[in-house]
């Protein structure tokens, strides 16, 4: 099936490529997805959102580990 997407090639110097790779690492996007989002004006993810989601995933892992070992989960009350 034919696609209507077009391939775009560009040349970057080492500093520009390093900047692109830094951004893709921080935002956890591929190079092409980052460039596409910049071109169409889509909101880029915030690096703080990743930190928050990582913390939540860590808590879920701890909870699952406690459930597997049979340790009761302590609920906090205010």
Protein backbone atom coordinates (compact mmCIF):
# COMPACT_ATOMS: atom_id res chain seq x y z
CA UNK A 1 0.00 0.00 0.00
CA UNK A 2 1.44 3.35 -1.02
CA UNK A 3 1.98 6.03 1.58
CA UNK A 4 1.43 9.76 1.28
CA UNK A 5 4.32 10.56 3.60
CA UNK A 6 7.50 12.12 2.27
CA UNK A 7 11.06 11.51 3.35
CA UNK A 8 13.06 14.61 4.28
CA UNK A 9 16.83 14.51 4.55
CA UNK A 10 19.02 17.19 6.10
CA UNK A 11 22.64 17.75 6.99
CA UNK A 12 23.66 18.69 10.51
CA UNK A 13 27.04 19.62 11.88
CA UNK A 14 28.24 17.69 14.97
CA UNK A 15 27.00 20.38 17.40
CA UNK A 16 23.52 20.40 15.85
CA UNK A 17 23.34 16.61 15.89
CA UNK A 18 24.43 16.56 19.54
CA UNK A 19 21.70 19.09 20.38
CA UNK A 20 19.12 17.01 18.52
CA UNK A 21 20.21 13.84 20.32
CA UNK A 22 20.13 15.63 23.68
CA UNK A 23 16.57 16.80 23.05
CA UNK A 24 15.41 13.39 21.87
CA UNK A 25 16.89 11.80 24.98
CA UNK A 26 15.28 14.31 27.33
CA UNK A 27 11.88 14.09 25.65
CA UNK A 28 12.07 10.37 24.88
CA UNK A 29 11.11 10.90 21.26
CA UNK A 30 12.75 9.69 18.09
CA UNK A 31 14.59 12.22 15.95
CA UNK A 32 11.89 12.18 13.29
CA UNK A 33 9.06 12.47 15.84
CA UNK A 34 10.72 15.47 17.49
CA UNK A 35 11.22 17.24 14.16
CA UNK A 36 7.66 16.42 13.05
CA UNK A 37 6.19 17.81 16.28
CA UNK A 38 8.25 20.99 15.97
CA UNK A 39 7.12 21.51 12.38
CA UNK A 40 3.41 20.98 13.01
CA UNK A 41 3.47 22.89 16.30
CA UNK A 42 2.41 20.01 18.54
CA UNK A 43 3.11 20.43 22.24
CA UNK A 44 6.33 18.73 23.31
CA UNK A 45 6.29 16.63 26.47
CA UNK A 46 7.69 18.18 29.62
CA UNK A 47 10.72 16.47 31.16
CA UNK A 48 9.11 16.86 34.62
CA UNK A 49 6.20 14.70 33.44
CA UNK A 50 8.64 11.84 32.87
CA UNK A 51 10.10 12.21 36.36
CA UNK A 52 6.63 12.11 37.89
CA UNK A 53 5.58 9.06 35.88
CA UNK A 54 8.82 7.27 36.79
CA UNK A 55 8.13 7.89 40.48
CA UNK A 56 4.61 6.48 40.14
CA UNK A 57 5.93 3.40 38.34
CA UNK A 58 8.48 2.89 41.12
CA UNK A 59 5.70 2.98 43.72
CA UNK A 60 3.67 0.47 41.72
CA UNK A 61 6.68 -1.85 41.52
CA UNK A 62 7.19 -1.67 45.29
CA UNK A 63 3.51 -2.36 45.85
CA UNK A 64 3.64 -5.38 43.53
CA UNK A 65 6.78 -6.68 45.27
CA UNK A 66 5.11 -6.38 48.66
CA UNK A 67 2.03 -8.21 47.40
CA UNK A 68 4.18 -11.04 46.00
CA UNK A 69 6.04 -11.49 49.29
CA UNK A 70 2.84 -11.37 51.31
CA UNK A 71 3.71 -8.22 53.21
CA UNK A 72 0.66 -6.16 54.07
CA UNK A 73 0.43 -2.77 52.42
CA UNK A 74 0.30 -0.03 55.04
CA UNK A 75 -2.27 2.63 54.24
CA UNK A 76 -1.41 6.11 55.43
CA UNK A 77 -4.06 8.12 57.21
CA UNK A 78 -4.00 11.82 57.67
